[in-house]
Amino acid sequence: QHFLEVVDILCEADVSVVPVVEDGMLLGCTDRAHLWRAFHNSLTPFSEGSILTLEMPWKDYSLAQVSHRVESEGVKILQVLVSDGLHPENAEVALRLSTRNIEGLIDGLRRHGYEVRAFYRAEEYAEEMKHRMAAFRRYMNI
């Protein structure tokens, strides 16, 4: 199973450890710390690239349109995370991108009416995420 499915099990059952079973045989178990490492590894940016965050009304959100705008600038989308924006009627779209040079992309997105909330180069983002993950682990006592 994908680690996010296991996170759902942990939350729904309110437990800290989940058994790993295959064909009725107990293979071991996984805990919150292991899942957080997997989650962290899935979000850690590559050594090259950048992170760009957009905000838009949910009614205007289209991943196809966002992808088209980004890829028309010659930039590849490596990962997407969509969540509620600052206001519940808005979507926040975080994009992990293949290049560090996104100034032209940002200008193009703004010309097409997208609100660019934030952008980071991979190194800056990785350092920020390390600090946030350390704070979160302290909070979770992991």
Foldseek 3Di string as FASTA:
>chain_A
DDLVVVVVVCVVVVDFKDFDDDPRDTPGIDGPVNSVVVVCVVPQADPFWKKWKWKDFPVPDDPVVVQVLQVVVVKHFPDWDWDQDPDNRMIMIMTTIRHQPCPVSVVSCVVVPIGTPDMGTNVVVNVVVVVVVVVVCVVVVD
